[in-house]
Amino acid sequence: MELPCCCLLLLSCLQSLSAHADFFTSTGQMTDLLYTEKDLVTSLKDYIRAEESKLEQIKRWAEKLDSLTVTATQDPEGFLGHPVNAFKLVKRLNTEWGDLESLVLRDTTGGFISNLTIQRQHFPNDEDQTGAAKALIRLQDTYRLDANTISTGNLPDPEHPRGKSNLKYFEFQLEKQKKAAEEEAPKQKEREKRETAEKKKKQKKSKKAFSLIPEREKYEMLCRGEGIKMTPRRQSRLFCRYYDNNRNPSLLLAPVKQQDEWDRPYIVRYLDIISDAEIERIKQLAKPRLRRATISNPITGVLETASYRISKSAWLTEYDDPMIEMINNRIEGVTGLEMDTAEELQVANYGVGGQYEPHFDFGRKDEPDAFKELGTGNRIATCLFYMSDVAAGGATVFPDVGAAVWPQKGTAVFWYNLFASGEGDYSTRHAACPVLVGNKWVSNKWIHERGQEWRRPCGLSESE
């Protein structure tokens, strides 16, 4: 019987260790800590009430004896001359003071300490505190916030609990901007006439200058909403439409709303592609399975955690819930691509300052074994579902081309990682910006090459 007991002890130890697993990397899982703390506060209040009750009894005893001893010590012999008083003195010193001693020594901390000991297994550890502190520094650097701004909660979203006190400031700034715009309007018209001829030259220079900026700076600029802007001519070629994917049977009666986000690489957004009920069900299924997101080491191929990917993820299959199969079929309907060789649906929740720095979804030529175990070829395309709105930050940016796609709950963005020839499209290098305010939930569907031979035929040139 000793061996099973040892095994149980080991399992309990492993469970307690797993409880410390990177709280700071998932805001969704951190919500459990609020309920843990709430339970501890309730337990603490029970302890305080027990202590107050004990002290109240001691106080009444002290007040009673105080008045008694004052009277007795004025005429000790006369007081003890009464046999009842003498008996009561002996009785008090022999038994009642012993009872008081027991009352004073009575431990009321048991319930609270026991609860605290149990809950401490689920507390964040030093790594979590360090990770959260680094996240604040990362947010300061990326969004150019001074220490006072972030410490006092003056963050961009005025509706956020820490930002509501600054609502007047935001209103003042908005009114100030409106007045400035009205005063500037006449001057702007004259300026536009003078700048029309120089506009194209400036755009070319701006694009060239942006391309010379280090990737890290471009990434942070795009996260802040800065960087190059698409020319009006290119913007005029972006449209929104009702899309049935060449009269796909599943879309004939209810075509999806498709919106062009970028032209090169071609990025589209599908609006209202996933319902709130489906989102909540996915989150419900994924939350217990969330684990620290990993990256594949390009040298060893081993999965490992990295400081540049701060999130937790879980994988959901069609066997987990029939709804997952419905979503897979929906992706197949709008993209026209085979889902049988695609990876399972990956659900991700970002933590404090959660981010994923610039990376490729597809395997490059120097990573020939990237998806060898799957046997389904390279990742031909990415479908990214946004399952929450993000109050500030959290954009998906493409540093090489200057594109920024902002989270919008219930939508999905789609792009091809490979050209039709099978060559990688290096302009699809992208990143998830740090979440400044809010909670970011996404899910990914990575679609692979195998099975797409007739759905997306090979091109004749590498860049086709």
Protein backbone atom coordinates (compact mmCIF):
# COMPACT_ATOMS: atom_id res chain seq x y z
CA MET A 1 0.00 0.00 0.00
CA GLU A 2 2.98 2.30 0.43
CA LEU A 3 3.68 2.65 -3.30
CA PRO A 4 0.24 4.03 -4.27
CA CYS A 5 0.46 6.48 -1.37
CA CYS A 6 3.82 7.73 -2.65
CA CYS A 7 2.36 8.07 -6.14
CA LEU A 8 -0.57 10.08 -4.80
CA LEU A 9 1.83 12.33 -2.89
CA LEU A 10 3.92 12.87 -6.02
CA LEU A 11 0.83 13.67 -8.11
CA SER A 12 -0.35 16.20 -5.54
CA CYS A 13 3.07 17.85 -5.60
CA LEU A 14 3.04 18.01 -9.39
CA GLN A 15 -0.45 19.53 -9.32
CA SER A 16 0.68 22.18 -6.88
CA LEU A 17 3.67 22.97 -9.08
CA SER A 18 1.48 23.19 -12.19
CA ALA A 19 -0.71 25.65 -10.32
CA HIS A 20 2.16 28.14 -10.51
CA ALA A 21 2.31 27.94 -14.31
CA ASP A 22 2.70 31.44 -15.72
CA PHE A 23 -0.41 33.30 -14.57
CA PHE A 24 0.84 36.52 -16.14
CA THR A 25 0.67 35.01 -19.65
CA SER A 26 -3.16 34.74 -19.69
CA THR A 27 -5.57 37.42 -18.53
CA GLY A 28 -8.45 34.95 -18.86
CA GLN A 29 -6.91 32.58 -16.33
CA MET A 30 -5.91 35.44 -14.04
CA THR A 31 -9.62 36.12 -13.42
CA ASP A 32 -9.59 33.00 -11.22
CA LEU A 33 -7.14 34.78 -8.92
CA LEU A 34 -9.75 37.48 -8.22
CA TYR A 35 -12.17 34.83 -6.92
CA THR A 36 -9.37 33.27 -4.88
CA GLU A 37 -8.65 36.62 -3.28
CA LYS A 38 -12.36 37.23 -2.69
CA ASP A 39 -12.62 33.89 -0.86
CA LEU A 40 -9.61 34.80 1.28
CA VAL A 41 -11.14 38.17 2.20
CA THR A 42 -14.34 36.39 3.31
CA SER A 43 -12.26 34.00 5.42
CA LEU A 44 -10.29 36.93 6.86
CA LYS A 45 -13.51 38.72 7.85
CA ASP A 46 -14.72 35.56 9.62
CA TYR A 47 -11.44 35.50 11.55
CA ILE A 48 -11.81 39.20 12.46
CA ARG A 49 -15.36 38.62 13.74
CA ALA A 50 -14.17 35.69 15.87
CA GLU A 51 -11.34 37.81 17.32
CA GLU A 52 -13.71 40.70 18.01
CA SER A 53 -16.13 38.35 19.79
CA LYS A 54 -13.29 36.97 21.93
CA LEU A 55 -11.99 40.45 22.77
CA GLU A 56 -15.51 41.60 23.65
CA GLN A 57 -15.80 38.78 26.21
CA ILE A 58 -12.38 39.63 27.68
CA LYS A 59 -13.32 43.32 27.78
CA ARG A 60 -16.56 42.65 29.73
CA TRP A 61 -14.62 40.46 32.17
CA ALA A 62 -11.96 43.17 32.67
CA GLU A 63 -14.55 45.92 33.24
CA LYS A 64 -16.43 43.80 35.79
CA LEU A 65 -13.27 42.97 37.75
CA ASP A 66 -12.01 46.54 37.51
CA SER A 67 -15.04 47.93 39.37
CA LEU A 68 -14.95 45.00 41.83
CA THR A 69 -11.27 45.39 42.74
CA VAL A 70 -11.61 49.16 43.17
CA THR A 71 -14.37 48.63 45.74
CA ALA A 72 -12.59 45.70 47.44
CA THR A 73 -9.20 47.44 47.85
CA GLN A 74 -10.74 50.44 49.62
CA ASP A 75 -11.38 48.22 52.72
CA PRO A 76 -9.83 44.80 52.09
CA GLU A 77 -10.53 43.33 55.55
CA GLY A 78 -14.06 44.64 55.62
CA PHE A 79 -14.70 43.30 52.09
CA LEU A 80 -13.33 39.84 52.90
CA GLY A 81 -15.19 39.85 56.22
CA HIS A 82 -18.20 38.87 54.21
CA PRO A 83 -17.94 35.10 53.64
CA VAL A 84 -19.52 35.25 50.16
CA ASN A 85 -16.93 37.77 48.99
CA ALA A 86 -14.13 35.60 50.36
CA PHE A 87 -15.55 32.53 48.60
CA LYS A 88 -15.91 34.39 45.29
CA LEU A 89 -12.29 35.61 45.46
CA VAL A 90 -11.03 32.05 45.97
CA LYS A 91 -13.34 30.77 43.20
CA ARG A 92 -12.22 33.47 40.74
CA LEU A 93 -8.53 32.85 41.30
CA ASN A 94 -8.87 29.09 41.31
CA THR A 95 -11.14 28.56 38.29
CA GLU A 96 -12.39 31.70 36.57
CA TRP A 97 -8.95 33.19 35.84
CA GLY A 98 -8.03 29.81 34.39
CA ASP A 99 -11.10 30.02 32.15
CA LEU A 100 -10.04 33.51 31.08
CA GLU A 101 -6.56 32.23 30.31
CA SER A 102 -8.12 29.54 28.07
CA LEU A 103 -10.24 32.17 26.36
CA VAL A 104 -7.20 34.40 25.69
CA LEU A 105 -5.20 31.45 24.38
CA ARG A 106 -8.06 30.15 22.23
CA ASP A 107 -6.85 30.09 18.61
CA THR A 108 -9.36 31.61 16.19
CA THR A 109 -6.90 31.65 13.28
CA GLY A 110 -7.41 27.98 12.36
CA GLY A 111 -10.02 28.47 9.63
CA PHE A 112 -8.25 31.41 8.03
CA ILE A 113 -4.75 29.89 8.16
CA SER A 114 -6.04 26.58 6.83
CA ASN A 115 -7.79 28.32 3.93
CA LEU A 116 -4.74 30.48 3.22
CA THR A 117 -2.48 27.41 3.17
CA ILE A 118 -4.75 25.66 0.68
CA GLN A 119 -5.16 28.71 -1.55
CA ARG A 120 -1.44 29.52 -1.50
CA GLN A 121 -0.92 26.54 -3.84
CA HIS A 122 -2.71 28.57 -6.50
CA PHE A 123 -0.89 31.87 -5.88
CA PRO A 124 1.35 33.47 -8.53
CA ASN A 125 5.06 33.08 -7.85
CA ASP A 126 8.15 35.26 -8.30
CA GLU A 127 8.27 34.43 -12.01
CA ASP A 128 4.72 35.77 -12.44
CA GLN A 129 5.58 38.98 -10.59
CA THR A 130 8.73 39.45 -12.66
CA GLY A 131 6.82 38.70 -15.88
CA ALA A 132 4.09 41.22 -15.02
CA ALA A 133 6.71 43.87 -14.16
CA LYS A 134 8.48 43.28 -17.48
CA ALA A 135 5.12 43.58 -19.23
CA LEU A 136 4.62 47.07 -17.77
CA ILE A 137 8.07 48.09 -18.99
CA ARG A 138 7.26 46.63 -22.43
CA LEU A 139 4.02 48.64 -22.56
CA GLN A 140 5.90 51.80 -21.61
CA ASP A 141 8.47 51.24 -24.36
CA THR A 142 6.05 50.20 -27.11
CA TYR A 143 3.41 52.86 -26.50
CA ARG A 144 5.81 55.54 -25.22
CA LEU A 145 4.16 55.97 -21.84
CA ASP A 146 5.99 57.68 -19.01
CA ALA A 147 6.12 56.02 -15.60
CA ASN A 148 3.67 58.50 -14.08
CA THR A 149 1.11 57.93 -16.82
CA ILE A 150 1.03 54.16 -16.44
CA SER A 151 1.23 54.21 -12.62
CA THR A 152 -1.75 56.57 -12.26
CA GLY A 153 -3.81 54.65 -14.80
CA ASN A 154 -4.07 57.42 -17.42
CA LEU A 155 -4.42 54.87 -20.20
CA PRO A 156 -6.03 55.47 -23.61
CA ASP A 157 -9.45 53.96 -22.87
CA PRO A 158 -11.57 56.45 -20.85
CA GLU A 159 -14.16 53.74 -20.10
CA HIS A 160 -11.63 51.52 -18.36
CA PRO A 161 -12.09 51.51 -14.54
CA ARG A 162 -8.67 53.07 -14.01
CA GLY A 163 -9.32 55.66 -16.70
CA LYS A 164 -12.78 56.95 -15.76
CA SER A 165 -11.33 59.67 -13.55
CA ASN A 166 -9.64 61.07 -16.65
CA LEU A 167 -12.82 61.37 -18.74
CA LYS A 168 -12.88 65.16 -18.41
CA TYR A 169 -9.33 65.31 -19.66
CA PHE A 170 -10.24 63.30 -22.76
CA GLU A 171 -13.30 65.49 -23.40
CA PHE A 172 -11.16 68.60 -23.02
CA GLN A 173 -8.60 67.27 -25.49
CA LEU A 174 -11.33 66.31 -27.97
CA GLU A 175 -12.88 69.78 -27.85
CA LYS A 176 -9.44 71.33 -28.22
CA GLN A 177 -8.77 69.21 -31.30
CA LYS A 178 -12.13 70.19 -32.85
CA LYS A 179 -11.41 73.91 -32.42
CA ALA A 180 -7.94 73.51 -33.84
CA ALA A 181 -9.37 71.65 -36.86
CA GLU A 182 -11.93 74.41 -37.52
CA GLU A 183 -9.25 77.10 -37.39
CA GLU A 184 -6.95 75.05 -39.58
CA ALA A 185 -9.52 74.26 -42.32
CA PRO A 186 -8.99 77.39 -44.51
CA LYS A 187 -5.21 77.09 -44.24
CA GLN A 188 -5.43 73.41 -45.06
CA LYS A 189 -7.13 74.07 -48.42
CA GLU A 190 -4.33 76.40 -49.50
CA ARG A 191 -1.73 73.96 -48.29
CA GLU A 192 -3.33 71.10 -50.22
CA LYS A 193 -3.01 73.04 -53.47
CA ARG A 194 0.68 73.65 -52.87
CA GLU A 195 1.36 70.07 -51.79
CA THR A 196 -0.49 68.25 -54.59
CA ALA A 197 2.53 68.29 -56.88
CA GLU A 198 4.89 67.14 -54.13
CA LYS A 199 2.60 64.46 -52.71
CA LYS A 200 3.80 61.55 -54.81
CA LYS A 201 7.44 62.37 -54.12
CA LYS A 202 6.81 62.49 -50.39
CA GLN A 203 4.98 59.20 -50.42
CA LYS A 204 7.87 57.53 -52.21
CA LYS A 205 10.36 59.03 -49.76
CA SER A 206 8.18 58.03 -46.80
CA LYS A 207 7.94 54.45 -48.03
CA LYS A 208 11.67 54.30 -48.63
CA ALA A 209 12.43 55.84 -45.22
CA PHE A 210 10.07 53.38 -43.50
CA SER A 211 11.78 50.43 -45.19
CA LEU A 212 15.12 51.56 -43.73
CA ILE A 213 13.84 51.62 -40.15
CA PRO A 214 14.85 48.58 -38.02
CA GLU A 215 12.09 46.00 -37.75
CA ARG A 216 11.66 46.47 -34.01
CA GLU A 217 10.97 50.18 -34.45
CA LYS A 218 8.59 49.55 -37.36
CA TYR A 219 6.73 47.01 -35.24
CA GLU A 220 6.33 49.45 -32.35
CA MET A 221 5.35 52.32 -34.68
CA LEU A 222 2.59 50.23 -36.23
CA CYS A 223 1.39 49.18 -32.76
CA ARG A 224 1.00 52.89 -31.94
CA GLY A 225 -0.91 53.51 -35.17
CA GLU A 226 2.04 55.24 -36.83
CA GLY A 227 4.06 54.29 -39.90
CA ILE A 228 3.35 54.58 -43.62
CA LYS A 229 -0.19 55.06 -44.86
CA MET A 230 -1.65 53.47 -47.95
CA THR A 231 -1.92 55.91 -50.89
CA PRO A 232 -5.42 57.03 -51.94
CA ARG A 233 -4.97 55.18 -55.23
CA ARG A 234 -4.28 51.89 -53.43
CA GLN A 235 -7.09 52.55 -50.96
CA SER A 236 -9.53 53.06 -53.83
CA ARG A 237 -8.88 49.47 -54.87
CA LEU A 238 -10.02 48.07 -51.52
CA PHE A 239 -13.68 47.09 -51.34
CA CYS A 240 -16.26 45.44 -49.14
CA ARG A 241 -18.76 43.00 -50.57
CA TYR A 242 -21.17 40.16 -49.94
CA TYR A 243 -19.16 37.07 -50.79
CA ASP A 244 -20.45 33.61 -51.76
CA ASN A 245 -17.09 32.15 -52.97
CA ASN A 246 -18.20 31.39 -56.50
CA ARG A 247 -21.71 30.34 -55.47
CA ASN A 248 -20.60 27.96 -52.75
CA PRO A 249 -23.79 26.06 -51.70
CA SER A 250 -23.28 26.94 -48.03
CA LEU A 251 -23.13 30.65 -48.85
CA LEU A 252 -25.82 31.05 -51.51
CA LEU A 253 -28.62 32.00 -49.12
CA ALA A 254 -26.37 33.77 -46.59
CA PRO A 255 -23.24 35.22 -48.21
CA VAL A 256 -20.60 36.51 -45.80
CA LYS A 257 -19.53 40.13 -45.49
CA GLN A 258 -15.98 40.38 -46.80
CA GLN A 259 -13.80 43.47 -46.43
CA ASP A 260 -10.39 44.13 -47.99
CA GLU A 261 -7.84 45.13 -45.33
CA TRP A 262 -4.63 45.24 -47.41
CA ASP A 263 -3.60 44.67 -51.01
CA ARG A 264 -0.02 43.30 -50.89
CA PRO A 265 -0.13 40.81 -49.24
CA TYR A 266 -3.85 40.42 -49.81
CA ILE A 267 -5.56 40.41 -46.41
CA VAL A 268 -9.32 40.16 -46.09
CA ARG A 269 -11.61 40.38 -43.09
CA TYR A 270 -14.85 38.41 -42.74
CA LEU A 271 -17.40 40.25 -40.61
CA ASP A 272 -19.89 38.51 -38.27
CA ILE A 273 -18.25 35.20 -39.12
CA ILE A 274 -18.50 33.81 -35.59
CA SER A 275 -21.32 34.44 -33.07
CA ASP A 276 -21.07 35.51 -29.44
CA ALA A 277 -22.52 32.15 -28.35
CA GLU A 278 -19.87 30.28 -30.32
CA ILE A 279 -17.14 32.49 -28.87
CA GLU A 280 -18.27 31.83 -25.31
CA ARG A 281 -18.44 28.09 -25.95
CA ILE A 282 -14.91 28.06 -27.42
CA LYS A 283 -13.57 30.01 -24.44
CA GLN A 284 -15.38 27.66 -22.06
CA LEU A 285 -13.79 24.62 -23.74
CA ALA A 286 -10.34 26.18 -23.99
CA LYS A 287 -9.92 27.82 -20.59
CA PRO A 288 -9.21 24.65 -18.55
CA ARG A 289 -6.66 23.54 -21.16
CA LEU A 290 -4.73 26.78 -21.56
CA ARG A 291 -0.97 26.28 -21.33
CA ARG A 292 1.92 28.66 -21.94
CA ALA A 293 2.29 29.18 -25.69
CA THR A 294 5.50 27.82 -27.18
CA ILE A 295 7.66 28.38 -30.24
CA SER A 296 9.65 25.88 -32.28
CA ASN A 297 13.39 26.29 -31.79
CA PRO A 298 14.74 26.79 -35.35
CA ILE A 299 17.91 24.86 -34.53
CA THR A 300 16.71 21.96 -32.39
CA GLY A 301 13.05 21.88 -33.45
CA VAL A 302 12.08 21.52 -29.77
CA LEU A 303 9.02 23.41 -28.52
CA GLU A 304 9.96 25.97 -25.87
CA THR A 305 8.63 29.12 -24.23
CA ALA A 306 9.96 32.51 -25.29
CA SER A 307 9.89 36.02 -23.83
CA TYR A 308 8.63 37.39 -27.14
CA ARG A 309 5.46 35.28 -27.02
CA ILE A 310 3.35 36.10 -23.96
CA SER A 311 0.11 34.14 -24.14
CA LYS A 312 -1.48 30.81 -23.34
CA SER A 313 -3.05 28.52 -25.90
CA ALA A 314 -5.19 25.39 -26.19
CA TRP A 315 -6.10 23.12 -29.08
CA LEU A 316 -9.69 22.12 -29.85
CA THR A 317 -10.76 19.28 -32.13
CA GLU A 318 -14.04 18.36 -33.79
CA TYR A 319 -14.40 15.62 -31.14
CA ASP A 320 -14.51 18.19 -28.35
CA ASP A 321 -17.72 19.78 -29.59
CA PRO A 322 -19.80 19.59 -32.80
CA MET A 323 -19.55 23.38 -33.01
CA ILE A 324 -15.82 23.11 -33.83
CA GLU A 325 -16.71 21.07 -36.92
CA MET A 326 -19.23 23.74 -37.90
CA ILE A 327 -16.54 26.41 -37.68
CA ASN A 328 -14.11 24.29 -39.73
CA ASN A 329 -16.79 23.85 -42.40
CA ARG A 330 -17.40 27.59 -42.37
CA ILE A 331 -13.70 28.30 -42.94
CA GLU A 332 -13.69 25.81 -45.81
CA GLY A 333 -16.75 27.49 -47.30
CA VAL A 334 -15.33 31.02 -47.34
CA THR A 335 -11.74 30.12 -48.27
CA GLY A 336 -12.43 27.22 -50.62
CA LEU A 337 -9.55 25.29 -49.02
CA GLU A 338 -9.50 21.72 -47.72
CA MET A 339 -9.71 21.46 -43.90
CA ASP A 340 -8.86 17.76 -43.51
CA THR A 341 -5.12 18.53 -43.54
CA ALA A 342 -5.38 21.74 -41.50
CA GLU A 343 -4.17 21.96 -37.92
CA GLU A 344 -6.68 21.85 -35.09
CA LEU A 345 -8.23 25.11 -33.93
CA GLN A 346 -5.77 26.89 -31.66
CA VAL A 347 -7.29 29.22 -29.06
CA ALA A 348 -5.05 31.85 -27.48
CA ASN A 349 -5.50 34.30 -24.64
CA TYR A 350 -2.91 37.03 -24.11
CA GLY A 351 -1.63 37.98 -20.68
CA VAL A 352 -0.40 41.21 -19.07
CA GLY A 353 1.09 43.18 -21.95
CA GLY A 354 0.60 40.01 -24.03
CA GLN A 355 2.33 39.98 -27.40
CA TYR A 356 3.92 37.84 -30.11
CA GLU A 357 6.82 39.63 -31.78
CA PRO A 358 7.40 39.47 -35.60
CA HIS A 359 7.36 35.93 -36.96
CA PHE A 360 6.35 33.83 -39.95
CA ASP A 361 3.55 31.28 -39.85
CA PHE A 362 5.12 29.18 -42.61
CA GLY A 363 8.33 27.14 -42.55
CA ARG A 364 11.23 28.78 -44.40
CA LYS A 365 13.80 27.04 -46.56
CA ASP A 366 16.23 26.89 -43.64
CA GLU A 367 13.54 24.97 -41.67
CA PRO A 368 12.84 22.00 -43.98
CA ASP A 369 11.57 19.86 -41.09
CA ALA A 370 9.23 22.48 -39.60
CA PHE A 371 6.04 20.48 -40.20
CA LYS A 372 7.56 17.14 -41.20
CA GLU A 373 5.80 15.23 -38.44
CA LEU A 374 2.38 16.38 -39.66
CA GLY A 375 3.06 15.16 -43.20
CA THR A 376 0.75 17.81 -44.65
CA GLY A 377 3.26 20.21 -46.18
CA ASN A 378 3.78 23.84 -45.30
CA ARG A 379 1.22 26.28 -43.90
CA ILE A 380 -0.40 27.67 -47.02
CA ALA A 381 -2.75 30.11 -45.27
CA THR A 382 -3.80 31.57 -41.92
CA CYS A 383 -7.33 32.28 -40.69
CA LEU A 384 -7.32 34.37 -37.50
CA PHE A 385 -10.55 34.84 -35.51
CA TYR A 386 -10.89 37.79 -33.12
CA MET A 387 -12.99 36.62 -30.16
CA SER A 388 -12.89 39.88 -28.20
CA ASP A 389 -12.61 43.59 -28.70
CA VAL A 390 -9.46 45.13 -27.25
CA ALA A 391 -9.79 48.58 -25.67
CA ALA A 392 -6.22 49.61 -26.52
CA GLY A 393 -3.35 47.86 -28.27
CA GLY A 394 -3.41 44.26 -29.47
CA ALA A 395 -3.26 44.94 -33.23
CA THR A 396 -1.96 42.41 -35.74
CA VAL A 397 0.76 44.21 -37.70
CA PHE A 398 2.86 43.39 -40.76
CA PRO A 399 6.10 45.40 -40.32
CA ASP A 400 7.53 44.80 -43.80
CA VAL A 401 4.54 46.36 -45.58
CA GLY A 402 3.20 48.73 -42.91
CA ALA A 403 -0.18 47.01 -42.48
CA ALA A 404 -2.06 47.05 -39.18
CA VAL A 405 -5.25 45.06 -38.54
CA TRP A 406 -7.14 45.88 -35.35
CA PRO A 407 -9.14 43.34 -33.31
CA GLN A 408 -12.88 43.37 -33.88
CA LYS A 409 -14.97 40.79 -32.05
CA GLY A 410 -16.81 38.33 -34.28
CA THR A 411 -14.54 38.87 -37.30
CA ALA A 412 -11.76 36.84 -38.90
CA VAL A 413 -8.85 37.87 -41.10
CA PHE A 414 -7.39 35.61 -43.75
CA TRP A 415 -4.20 35.67 -45.82
CA TYR A 416 -2.04 33.29 -47.83
CA ASN A 417 1.43 32.57 -46.41
CA LEU A 418 2.60 30.94 -49.65
CA PHE A 419 2.40 32.01 -53.25
CA ALA A 420 0.53 29.67 -55.60
CA SER A 421 3.95 28.30 -56.61
CA GLY A 422 4.51 27.08 -53.05
CA GLU A 423 7.22 29.67 -52.33
CA GLY A 424 6.93 31.57 -49.05
CA ASP A 425 5.55 35.12 -49.11
CA TYR A 426 7.98 36.93 -46.82
CA SER A 427 5.78 40.03 -46.73
CA THR A 428 3.41 38.08 -44.44
CA ARG A 429 5.84 38.37 -41.51
CA HIS A 430 3.55 39.66 -38.76
CA ALA A 431 3.25 40.28 -35.04
CA ALA A 432 0.66 40.63 -32.26
CA CYS A 433 1.10 43.99 -30.51
CA PRO A 434 1.13 44.14 -26.70
CA VAL A 435 -2.33 44.43 -25.13
CA LEU A 436 -2.40 47.80 -23.36
CA VAL A 437 -5.95 47.75 -21.97
CA GLY A 438 -8.41 44.88 -22.21
CA ASN A 439 -8.46 41.13 -22.68
CA LYS A 440 -7.51 39.62 -26.05
CA TRP A 441 -8.88 36.25 -27.17
CA VAL A 442 -8.13 34.88 -30.64
CA SER A 443 -8.27 31.54 -32.41
CA ASN A 444 -6.14 30.40 -35.36
CA LYS A 445 -6.70 27.92 -38.12
CA TRP A 446 -3.48 27.09 -39.96
CA ILE A 447 -4.25 25.51 -43.32
CA HIS A 448 -1.67 23.24 -44.98
CA GLU A 449 -0.66 22.53 -48.57
CA ARG A 450 -1.77 18.90 -48.89
CA GLY A 451 -5.25 18.57 -50.34
CA GLN A 452 -5.19 22.01 -51.98
CA GLU A 453 -3.76 20.80 -55.34
CA TRP A 454 -7.09 21.20 -57.14
CA ARG A 455 -8.38 24.05 -55.00
CA ARG A 456 -5.40 26.33 -55.47
CA PRO A 457 -3.37 25.13 -58.47
CA CYS A 458 0.35 25.89 -58.63
CA GLY A 459 1.50 29.08 -60.34
CA LEU A 460 4.04 29.24 -63.16
CA SER A 461 6.42 31.64 -61.41
CA GLU A 462 7.77 31.87 -57.85
CA SER A 463 5.92 35.09 -57.03
CA GLU A 464 2.65 34.10 -58.69
